[in-house]
Amino acid sequence: MEDRVYRCLNPVGMQPPVKTFPLAPRLDTLDGKTIHMSICGEADIWVPLEKKLKAGYPNVNWTVKKRYHIVPMELSEEERKTTDAVILGVCW
């Protein structure tokens, strides 16, 4: 038994590096900004996250749309004009 050697391979394999780039420039500050959260799926993850973000960033104007379906709700044209950032999450 002691002379047996087991060899295991990582099932993930070797992943090539991925180049990332931002879709929009970073906000200089979150204070006074309007951040929209579009929440899809089960509430067991999003309810605590929403509470934590609102408590941790009290100077942010939060808007939230919740939908218990895996397709997020789109922002209206007016919401797009007045929103500085979006947090989109899908969980189920």
PDB file of N, CA and C in Angstrom:
ATOM      1  N   MET A   1       0.805  -1.195   0.000  1.00  0.00           N
ATOM      2  CA  MET A   1       0.000   0.000   0.000  1.00  0.00           C
ATOM      3  C   MET A   1       0.850   1.261   0.000  1.00  0.00           C
ATOM      4  N   GLU A   2       1.926   1.269   0.769  1.00  0.00           N
ATOM      5  CA  GLU A   2       2.725   2.479   0.895  1.00  0.00           C
ATOM      6  C   GLU A   2       3.497   2.823  -0.372  1.00  0.00           C
ATOM      7  N   ASP A   3       3.717   1.855  -1.252  1.00  0.00           N
ATOM      8  CA  ASP A   3       4.486   2.133  -2.459  1.00  0.00           C
ATOM      9  C   ASP A   3       3.609   2.549  -3.640  1.00  0.00           C
ATOM     10  N   ARG A   4       2.303   2.665  -3.437  1.00  0.00           N
ATOM     11  CA  ARG A   4       1.415   3.131  -4.508  1.00  0.00           C
ATOM     12  C   ARG A   4       1.523   4.643  -4.658  1.00  0.00           C
ATOM     13  N   VAL A   5       1.497   5.098  -5.892  1.00  0.00           N
ATOM     14  CA  VAL A   5       1.520   6.529  -6.193  1.00  0.00           C
ATOM     15  C   VAL A   5       0.284   6.839  -7.031  1.00  0.00           C
ATOM     16  N   TYR A   6      -0.449   7.813  -6.591  1.00  0.00           N
ATOM     17  CA  TYR A   6      -1.638   8.241  -7.327  1.00  0.00           C
ATOM     18  C   TYR A   6      -1.334   9.560  -8.007  1.00  0.00           C
ATOM     19  N   ARG A   7      -1.707   9.672  -9.251  1.00  0.00           N
ATOM     20  CA  ARG A   7      -1.489  10.914  -9.995  1.00  0.00           C
ATOM     21  C   ARG A   7      -2.848  11.447 -10.418  1.00  0.00           C
ATOM     22  N   CYS A   8      -3.117  12.699 -10.087  1.00  0.00           N
ATOM     23  CA  CYS A   8      -4.399  13.324 -10.413  1.00  0.00           C
ATOM     24  C   CYS A   8      -4.157  14.515 -11.319  1.00  0.00           C
ATOM     25  N   LEU A   9      -5.016  14.693 -12.261  1.00  0.00           N
ATOM     26  CA  LEU A   9      -4.949  15.844 -13.154  1.00  0.00           C
ATOM     27  C   LEU A   9      -6.098  16.776 -12.827  1.00  0.00           C
ATOM     28  N   ASN A  10      -5.847  18.068 -12.961  1.00  0.00           N
ATOM     29  CA  ASN A  10      -6.878  19.058 -12.723  1.00  0.00           C
ATOM     30  C   ASN A  10      -7.886  18.989 -13.875  1.00  0.00           C
ATOM     31  N   PRO A  11      -9.169  18.727 -13.586  1.00  0.00           N
ATOM     32  CA  PRO A  11     -10.151  18.621 -14.677  1.00  0.00           C
ATOM     33  C   PRO A  11     -10.419  19.948 -15.385  1.00  0.00           C
ATOM     34  N   VAL A  12     -10.046  21.055 -14.765  1.00  0.00           N
ATOM     35  CA  VAL A  12     -10.252  22.358 -15.398  1.00  0.00           C
ATOM     36  C   VAL A  12      -9.292  22.542 -16.559  1.00  0.00           C
ATOM     37  N   GLY A  13      -8.103  21.971 -16.427  1.00  0.00           N
ATOM     38  CA  GLY A  13      -7.111  22.117 -17.486  1.00  0.00           C
ATOM     39  C   GLY A  13      -6.377  23.438 -17.376  1.00  0.00           C
ATOM     40  N   MET A  14      -5.672  23.770 -18.412  1.00  0.00           N
ATOM     41  CA  MET A  14      -4.896  25.017 -18.452  1.00  0.00           C
ATOM     42  C   MET A  14      -5.708  26.070 -19.201  1.00  0.00           C
ATOM     43  N   GLN A  15      -6.032  27.137 -18.512  1.00  0.00           N
ATOM     44  CA  GLN A  15      -6.826  28.193 -19.122  1.00  0.00           C
ATOM     45  C   GLN A  15      -5.907  29.287 -19.656  1.00  0.00           C
ATOM     46  N   PRO A  16      -6.087  29.687 -20.902  1.00  0.00           N
ATOM     47  CA  PRO A  16      -5.261  30.778 -21.423  1.00  0.00           C
ATOM     48  C   PRO A  16      -5.670  32.100 -20.764  1.00  0.00           C
ATOM     49  N   PRO A  17      -4.732  33.039 -20.633  1.00  0.00           N
ATOM     50  CA  PRO A  17      -5.097  34.335 -20.047  1.00  0.00           C
ATOM     51  C   PRO A  17      -6.109  35.064 -20.930  1.00  0.00           C
ATOM     52  N   VAL A  18      -6.979  35.795 -20.277  1.00  0.00           N
ATOM     53  CA  VAL A  18      -8.027  36.533 -20.977  1.00  0.00           C
ATOM     54  C   VAL A  18      -7.774  38.018 -20.792  1.00  0.00           C
ATOM     55  N   LYS A  19      -7.793  38.763 -21.877  1.00  0.00           N
ATOM     56  CA  LYS A  19      -7.629  40.205 -21.792  1.00  0.00           C
ATOM     57  C   LYS A  19      -8.990  40.829 -21.466  1.00  0.00           C
ATOM     58  N   THR A  20      -9.024  41.652 -20.441  1.00  0.00           N
ATOM     59  CA  THR A  20     -10.267  42.318 -20.066  1.00  0.00           C
ATOM     60  C   THR A  20     -10.159  43.809 -20.343  1.00  0.00           C
ATOM     61  N   PHE A  21     -11.295  44.432 -20.541  1.00  0.00           N
ATOM     62  CA  PHE A  21     -11.332  45.866 -20.758  1.00  0.00           C
ATOM     63  C   PHE A  21     -12.670  46.393 -20.260  1.00  0.00           C
ATOM     64  N   PRO A  22     -12.688  47.620 -19.753  1.00  0.00           N
ATOM     65  CA  PRO A  22     -13.934  48.175 -19.212  1.00  0.00           C
ATOM     66  C   PRO A  22     -14.909  48.567 -20.319  1.00  0.00           C
ATOM     67  N   LEU A  23     -16.185  48.455 -20.012  1.00  0.00           N
ATOM     68  CA  LEU A  23     -17.217  48.909 -20.942  1.00  0.00           C
ATOM     69  C   LEU A  23     -17.480  50.402 -20.801  1.00  0.00           C
ATOM     70  N   ALA A  24     -17.119  50.943 -19.656  1.00  0.00           N
ATOM     71  CA  ALA A  24     -17.303  52.373 -19.387  1.00  0.00           C
ATOM     72  C   ALA A  24     -16.211  52.802 -18.408  1.00  0.00           C
ATOM     73  N   PRO A  25     -15.888  54.092 -18.381  1.00  0.00           N
ATOM     74  CA  PRO A  25     -14.877  54.538 -17.416  1.00  0.00           C
ATOM     75  C   PRO A  25     -15.389  54.401 -15.986  1.00  0.00           C
ATOM     76  N   ARG A  26     -14.456  54.208 -15.060  1.00  0.00           N
ATOM     77  CA  ARG A  26     -14.812  54.106 -13.639  1.00  0.00           C
ATOM     78  C   ARG A  26     -15.326  55.446 -13.133  1.00  0.00           C
ATOM     79  N   LEU A  27     -16.256  55.382 -12.190  1.00  0.00           N
ATOM     80  CA  LEU A  27     -16.732  56.596 -11.540  1.00  0.00           C
ATOM     81  C   LEU A  27     -15.647  57.095 -10.594  1.00  0.00           C
ATOM     82  N   ASP A  28     -15.473  58.396 -10.519  1.00  0.00           N
ATOM     83  CA  ASP A  28     -14.462  58.953  -9.619  1.00  0.00           C
ATOM     84  C   ASP A  28     -14.867  58.795  -8.158  1.00  0.00           C
ATOM     85  N   THR A  29     -16.150  58.821  -7.892  1.00  0.00           N
ATOM     86  CA  THR A  29     -16.686  58.623  -6.543  1.00  0.00           C
ATOM     87  C   THR A  29     -18.081  58.032  -6.663  1.00  0.00           C
ATOM     88  N   LEU A  30     -18.532  57.381  -5.616  1.00  0.00           N
ATOM     89  CA  LEU A  30     -19.903  56.862  -5.590  1.00  0.00           C
ATOM     90  C   LEU A  30     -20.848  57.803  -4.865  1.00  0.00           C
ATOM     91  N   ASP A  31     -20.294  58.731  -4.080  1.00  0.00           N
ATOM     92  CA  ASP A  31     -21.130  59.666  -3.321  1.00  0.00           C
ATOM     93  C   ASP A  31     -22.007  60.490  -4.254  1.00  0.00           C
ATOM     94  N   GLY A  32     -23.304  60.455  -4.012  1.00  0.00           N
ATOM     95  CA  GLY A  32     -24.250  61.245  -4.788  1.00  0.00           C
ATOM     96  C   GLY A  32     -24.624  60.634  -6.121  1.00  0.00           C
ATOM     97  N   LYS A  33     -24.038  59.512  -6.477  1.00  0.00           N
ATOM     98  CA  LYS A  33     -24.345  58.873  -7.757  1.00  0.00           C
ATOM     99  C   LYS A  33     -25.597  58.017  -7.622  1.00  0.00           C
ATOM    100  N   THR A  34     -26.239  57.745  -8.746  1.00  0.00           N
ATOM    101  CA  THR A  34     -27.393  56.866  -8.794  1.00  0.00           C
ATOM    102  C   THR A  34     -26.950  55.537  -9.380  1.00  0.00           C
ATOM    103  N   ILE A  35     -27.101  54.484  -8.594  1.00  0.00           N
ATOM    104  CA  ILE A  35     -26.736  53.143  -9.037  1.00  0.00           C
ATOM    105  C   ILE A  35     -27.998  52.295  -9.052  1.00  0.00           C
ATOM    106  N   HIS A  36     -28.233  51.666 -10.173  1.00  0.00           N
ATOM    107  CA  HIS A  36     -29.419  50.834 -10.341  1.00  0.00           C
ATOM    108  C   HIS A  36     -29.030  49.369 -10.173  1.00  0.00           C
ATOM    109  N   MET A  37     -29.796  48.649  -9.358  1.00  0.00           N
ATOM    110  CA  MET A  37     -29.599  47.208  -9.215  1.00  0.00           C
ATOM    111  C   MET A  37     -30.754  46.493  -9.900  1.00  0.00           C
ATOM    112  N   SER A  38     -30.419  45.668 -10.876  1.00  0.00           N
ATOM    113  CA  SER A  38     -31.409  44.846 -11.547  1.00  0.00           C
ATOM    114  C   SER A  38     -31.218  43.432 -11.037  1.00  0.00           C
ATOM    115  N   ILE A  39     -32.161  42.953 -10.261  1.00  0.00           N
ATOM    116  CA  ILE A  39     -32.020  41.694  -9.547  1.00  0.00           C
ATOM    117  C   ILE A  39     -32.932  40.646 -10.170  1.00  0.00           C
ATOM    118  N   CYS A  40     -32.338  39.542 -10.596  1.00  0.00           N
ATOM    119  CA  CYS A  40     -33.102  38.451 -11.188  1.00  0.00           C
ATOM    120  C   CYS A  40     -32.843  37.172 -10.405  1.00  0.00           C
ATOM    121  N   GLY A  41     -33.850  36.364 -10.239  1.00  0.00           N
ATOM    122  CA  GLY A  41     -33.659  35.072  -9.615  1.00  0.00           C
ATOM    123  C   GLY A  41     -34.066  35.055  -8.161  1.00  0.00           C
ATOM    124  N   GLU A  42     -33.481  34.113  -7.427  1.00  0.00           N
ATOM    125  CA  GLU A  42     -33.860  33.872  -6.041  1.00  0.00           C
ATOM    126  C   GLU A  42     -33.393  34.980  -5.108  1.00  0.00           C
ATOM    127  N   ALA A  43     -34.178  35.218  -4.089  1.00  0.00           N
ATOM    128  CA  ALA A  43     -33.897  36.308  -3.154  1.00  0.00           C
ATOM    129  C   ALA A  43     -32.874  35.940  -2.090  1.00  0.00           C
ATOM    130  N   ASP A  44     -32.505  34.675  -1.963  1.00  0.00           N
ATOM    131  CA  ASP A  44     -31.599  34.276  -0.881  1.00  0.00           C
ATOM    132  C   ASP A  44     -30.220  34.905  -0.993  1.00  0.00           C
ATOM    133  N   ILE A  45     -29.799  35.286  -2.165  1.00  0.00           N
ATOM    134  CA  ILE A  45     -28.513  35.959  -2.354  1.00  0.00           C
ATOM    135  C   ILE A  45     -28.707  37.469  -2.422  1.00  0.00           C
ATOM    136  N   TRP A  46     -29.728  37.906  -3.153  1.00  0.00           N
ATOM    137  CA  TRP A  46     -29.854  39.333  -3.433  1.00  0.00           C
ATOM    138  C   TRP A  46     -30.384  40.161  -2.280  1.00  0.00           C
ATOM    139  N   VAL A  47     -31.210  39.595  -1.451  1.00  0.00           N
ATOM    140  CA  VAL A  47     -31.721  40.378  -0.317  1.00  0.00           C
ATOM    141  C   VAL A  47     -30.579  40.798   0.612  1.00  0.00           C
ATOM    142  N   PRO A  48     -29.698  39.870   1.043  1.00  0.00           N
ATOM    143  CA  PRO A  48     -28.586  40.308   1.892  1.00  0.00           C
ATOM    144  C   PRO A  48     -27.609  41.233   1.175  1.00  0.00           C
ATOM    145  N   LEU A  49     -27.381  40.994  -0.125  1.00  0.00           N
ATOM    146  CA  LEU A  49     -26.464  41.866  -0.868  1.00  0.00           C
ATOM    147  C   LEU A  49     -27.017  43.283  -0.964  1.00  0.00           C
ATOM    148  N   GLU A  50     -28.289  43.397  -1.260  1.00  0.00           N
ATOM    149  CA  GLU A  50     -28.915  44.720  -1.338  1.00  0.00           C
ATOM    150  C   GLU A  50     -28.814  45.455  -0.006  1.00  0.00           C
ATOM    151  N   LYS A  51     -29.090  44.763   1.093  1.00  0.00           N
ATOM    152  CA  LYS A  51     -29.002  45.384   2.422  1.00  0.00           C
ATOM    153  C   LYS A  51     -27.567  45.822   2.723  1.00  0.00           C
ATOM    154  N   LYS A  52     -26.594  44.972   2.384  1.00  0.00           N
ATOM    155  CA  LYS A  52     -25.200  45.282   2.663  1.00  0.00           C
ATOM    156  C   LYS A  52     -24.720  46.477   1.842  1.00  0.00           C
ATOM    157  N   LEU A  53     -25.066  46.520   0.574  1.00  0.00           N
ATOM    158  CA  LEU A  53     -24.649  47.644  -0.265  1.00  0.00           C
ATOM    159  C   LEU A  53     -25.277  48.956   0.202  1.00  0.00           C
ATOM    160  N   LYS A  54     -26.558  48.921   0.518  1.00  0.00           N
ATOM    161  CA  LYS A  54     -27.224  50.142   0.977  1.00  0.00           C
ATOM    162  C   LYS A  54     -26.661  50.615   2.308  1.00  0.00           C
ATOM    163  N   ALA A  55     -26.298  49.683   3.199  1.00  0.00           N
ATOM    164  CA  ALA A  55     -25.711  50.063   4.485  1.00  0.00           C
ATOM    165  C   ALA A  55     -24.273  50.553   4.310  1.00  0.00           C
ATOM    166  N   GLY A  56     -23.535  49.926   3.412  1.00  0.00           N
ATOM    167  CA  GLY A  56     -22.134  50.276   3.219  1.00  0.00           C
ATOM    168  C   GLY A  56     -21.925  51.548   2.412  1.00  0.00           C
ATOM    169  N   TYR A  57     -22.895  51.905   1.589  1.00  0.00           N
ATOM    170  CA  TYR A  57     -22.797  53.102   0.744  1.00  0.00           C
ATOM    171  C   TYR A  57     -24.049  53.960   0.929  1.00  0.00           C
ATOM    172  N   PRO A  58     -24.172  54.617   2.080  1.00  0.00           N
ATOM    173  CA  PRO A  58     -25.395  55.372   2.361  1.00  0.00           C
ATOM    174  C   PRO A  58     -25.549  56.636   1.520  1.00  0.00           C
ATOM    175  N   ASN A  59     -24.476  57.135   0.931  1.00  0.00           N
ATOM    176  CA  ASN A  59     -24.548  58.357   0.133  1.00  0.00           C
ATOM    177  C   ASN A  59     -24.852  58.095  -1.333  1.00  0.00           C
ATOM    178  N   VAL A  60     -25.183  56.856  -1.665  1.00  0.00           N
ATOM    179  CA  VAL A  60     -25.544  56.486  -3.029  1.00  0.00           C
ATOM    180  C   VAL A  60     -27.061  56.482  -3.144  1.00  0.00           C
ATOM    181  N   ASN A  61     -27.564  56.972  -4.255  1.00  0.00           N
ATOM    182  CA  ASN A  61     -29.000  56.905  -4.541  1.00  0.00           C
ATOM    183  C   ASN A  61     -29.255  55.567  -5.242  1.00  0.00           C
ATOM    184  N   TRP A  62     -29.858  54.636  -4.535  1.00  0.00           N
ATOM    185  CA  TRP A  62     -30.092  53.303  -5.069  1.00  0.00           C
ATOM    186  C   TRP A  62     -31.463  53.203  -5.705  1.00  0.00           C
ATOM    187  N   THR A  63     -31.549  52.603  -6.881  1.00  0.00           N
ATOM    188  CA  THR A  63     -32.824  52.220  -7.484  1.00  0.00           C
ATOM    189  C   THR A  63     -32.748  50.719  -7.716  1.00  0.00           C
ATOM    190  N   VAL A  64     -33.866  50.047  -7.540  1.00  0.00           N
ATOM    191  CA  VAL A  64     -33.866  48.588  -7.606  1.00  0.00           C
ATOM    192  C   VAL A  64     -35.079  48.107  -8.383  1.00  0.00           C
ATOM    193  N   LYS A  65     -34.856  47.135  -9.257  1.00  0.00           N
ATOM    194  CA  LYS A  65     -35.946  46.395  -9.892  1.00  0.00           C
ATOM    195  C   LYS A  65     -35.695  44.937  -9.605  1.00  0.00           C
ATOM    196  N   LYS A  66     -36.707  44.278  -9.051  1.00  0.00           N
ATOM    197  CA  LYS A  66     -36.580  42.858  -8.723  1.00  0.00           C
ATOM    198  C   LYS A  66     -37.517  42.054  -9.603  1.00  0.00           C
ATOM    199  N   ARG A  67     -37.014  40.918 -10.022  1.00  0.00           N
ATOM    200  CA  ARG A  67     -37.829  40.049 -10.856  1.00  0.00           C
ATOM    201  C   ARG A  67     -37.417  38.612 -10.569  1.00  0.00           C
ATOM    202  N   TYR A  68     -38.352  37.778 -10.245  1.00  0.00           N
ATOM    203  CA  TYR A  68     -38.034  36.391  -9.948  1.00  0.00           C
ATOM    204  C   TYR A  68     -38.142  35.550 -11.216  1.00  0.00           C
ATOM    205  N   HIS A  69     -37.333  35.945 -12.162  1.00  0.00           N
ATOM    206  CA  HIS A  69     -37.230  35.291 -13.456  1.00  0.00           C
ATOM    207  C   HIS A  69     -35.805  35.538 -13.916  1.00  0.00           C
ATOM    208  N   ILE A  70     -35.275  34.700 -14.785  1.00  0.00           N
ATOM    209  CA  ILE A  70     -33.857  34.841 -15.133  1.00  0.00           C
ATOM    210  C   ILE A  70     -33.574  35.921 -16.172  1.00  0.00           C
ATOM    211  N   VAL A  71     -34.591  36.594 -16.667  1.00  0.00           N
ATOM    212  CA  VAL A  71     -34.378  37.657 -17.650  1.00  0.00           C
ATOM    213  C   VAL A  71     -34.455  39.006 -16.933  1.00  0.00           C
ATOM    214  N   PRO A  72     -33.372  39.795 -16.957  1.00  0.00           N
ATOM    215  CA  PRO A  72     -33.401  41.087 -16.263  1.00  0.00           C
ATOM    216  C   PRO A  72     -34.344  42.073 -16.938  1.00  0.00           C
ATOM    217  N   MET A  73     -34.853  43.010 -16.156  1.00  0.00           N
ATOM    218  CA  MET A  73     -35.719  44.048 -16.682  1.00  0.00           C
ATOM    219  C   MET A  73     -34.853  45.190 -17.193  1.00  0.00           C
ATOM    220  N   GLU A  74     -35.167  45.684 -18.363  1.00  0.00           N
ATOM    221  CA  GLU A  74     -34.392  46.770 -18.955  1.00  0.00           C
ATOM    222  C   GLU A  74     -34.742  48.101 -18.298  1.00  0.00           C
ATOM    223  N   LEU A  75     -33.768  48.998 -18.319  1.00  0.00           N
ATOM    224  CA  LEU A  75     -34.018  50.354 -17.837  1.00  0.00           C
ATOM    225  C   LEU A  75     -34.841  51.105 -18.867  1.00  0.00           C
ATOM    226  N   SER A  76     -35.713  51.969 -18.385  1.00  0.00           N
ATOM    227  CA  SER A  76     -36.461  52.828 -19.302  1.00  0.00           C
ATOM    228  C   SER A  76     -35.516  53.905 -19.834  1.00  0.00           C
ATOM    229  N   GLU A  77     -35.940  54.611 -20.829  1.00  0.00           N
ATOM    230  CA  GLU A  77     -35.102  55.676 -21.403  1.00  0.00           C
ATOM    231  C   GLU A  77     -34.788  56.738 -20.359  1.00  0.00           C
ATOM    232  N   GLU A  78     -35.762  57.091 -19.529  1.00  0.00           N
ATOM    233  CA  GLU A  78     -35.535  58.074 -18.469  1.00  0.00           C
ATOM    234  C   GLU A  78     -34.538  57.546 -17.435  1.00  0.00           C
ATOM    235  N   GLU A  79     -34.677  56.265 -17.064  1.00  0.00           N
ATOM    236  CA  GLU A  79     -33.738  55.674 -16.103  1.00  0.00           C
ATOM    237  C   GLU A  79     -32.315  55.652 -16.660  1.00  0.00           C
ATOM    238  N   ARG A  80     -32.167  55.411 -17.930  1.00  0.00           N
ATOM    239  CA  ARG A  80     -30.830  55.415 -18.551  1.00  0.00           C
ATOM    240  C   ARG A  80     -30.173  56.781 -18.468  1.00  0.00           C
ATOM    241  N   LYS A  81     -30.979  57.820 -18.601  1.00  0.00           N
ATOM    242  CA  LYS A  81     -30.435  59.188 -18.554  1.00  0.00           C
ATOM    243  C   LYS A  81     -29.998  59.584 -17.149  1.00  0.00           C
ATOM    244  N   THR A  82     -30.663  59.038 -16.125  1.00  0.00           N
ATOM    245  CA  THR A  82     -30.397  59.478 -14.762  1.00  0.00           C
ATOM    246  C   THR A  82     -29.574  58.486 -13.943  1.00  0.00           C
ATOM    247  N   THR A  83     -29.165  57.376 -14.538  1.00  0.00           N
ATOM    248  CA  THR A  83     -28.407  56.350 -13.822  1.00  0.00           C
ATOM    249  C   THR A  83     -26.932  56.451 -14.164  1.00  0.00           C
ATOM    250  N   ASP A  84     -26.084  56.433 -13.126  1.00  0.00           N
ATOM    251  CA  ASP A  84     -24.640  56.526 -13.331  1.00  0.00           C
ATOM    252  C   ASP A  84     -23.969  55.156 -13.479  1.00  0.00           C
ATOM    253  N   ALA A  85     -24.538  54.121 -12.869  1.00  0.00           N
ATOM    254  CA  ALA A  85     -23.972  52.779 -12.935  1.00  0.00           C
ATOM    255  C   ALA A  85     -25.072  51.747 -12.726  1.00  0.00           C
ATOM    256  N   VAL A  86     -24.817  50.516 -13.151  1.00  0.00           N
ATOM    257  CA  VAL A  86     -25.778  49.436 -13.024  1.00  0.00           C
ATOM    258  C   VAL A  86     -25.082  48.211 -12.449  1.00  0.00           C
ATOM    259  N   ILE A  87     -25.746  47.569 -11.499  1.00  0.00           N
ATOM    260  CA  ILE A  87     -25.315  46.267 -11.012  1.00  0.00           C
ATOM    261  C   ILE A  87     -26.361  45.276 -11.506  1.00  0.00           C
ATOM    262  N   LEU A  88     -25.950  44.370 -12.359  1.00  0.00           N
ATOM    263  CA  LEU A  88     -26.858  43.370 -12.908  1.00  0.00           C
ATOM    264  C   LEU A  88     -26.464  42.022 -12.359  1.00  0.00           C
ATOM    265  N   GLY A  89     -27.400  41.319 -11.784  1.00  0.00           N
ATOM    266  CA  GLY A  89     -27.106  40.013 -11.239  1.00  0.00           C
ATOM    267  C   GLY A  89     -28.188  39.021 -11.597  1.00  0.00           C
ATOM    268  N   VAL A  90     -27.752  37.838 -11.969  1.00  0.00           N
ATOM    269  CA  VAL A  90     -28.686  36.769 -12.267  1.00  0.00           C
ATOM    270  C   VAL A  90     -28.298  35.582 -11.411  1.00  0.00           C
ATOM    271  N   CYS A  91     -29.238  35.100 -10.626  1.00  0.00           N
ATOM    272  CA  CYS A  91     -28.970  33.928  -9.800  1.00  0.00           C
ATOM    273  C   CYS A  91     -30.221  33.080  -9.758  1.00  0.00           C
ATOM    274  N   TRP A  92     -30.044  31.798  -9.639  1.00  0.00           N
ATOM    275  CA  TRP A  92     -31.170  30.910  -9.495  1.00  0.00           C
ATOM    276  C   TRP A  92     -30.732  29.638  -8.858  1.00  0.00           C
TER     277      TRP A  92
END
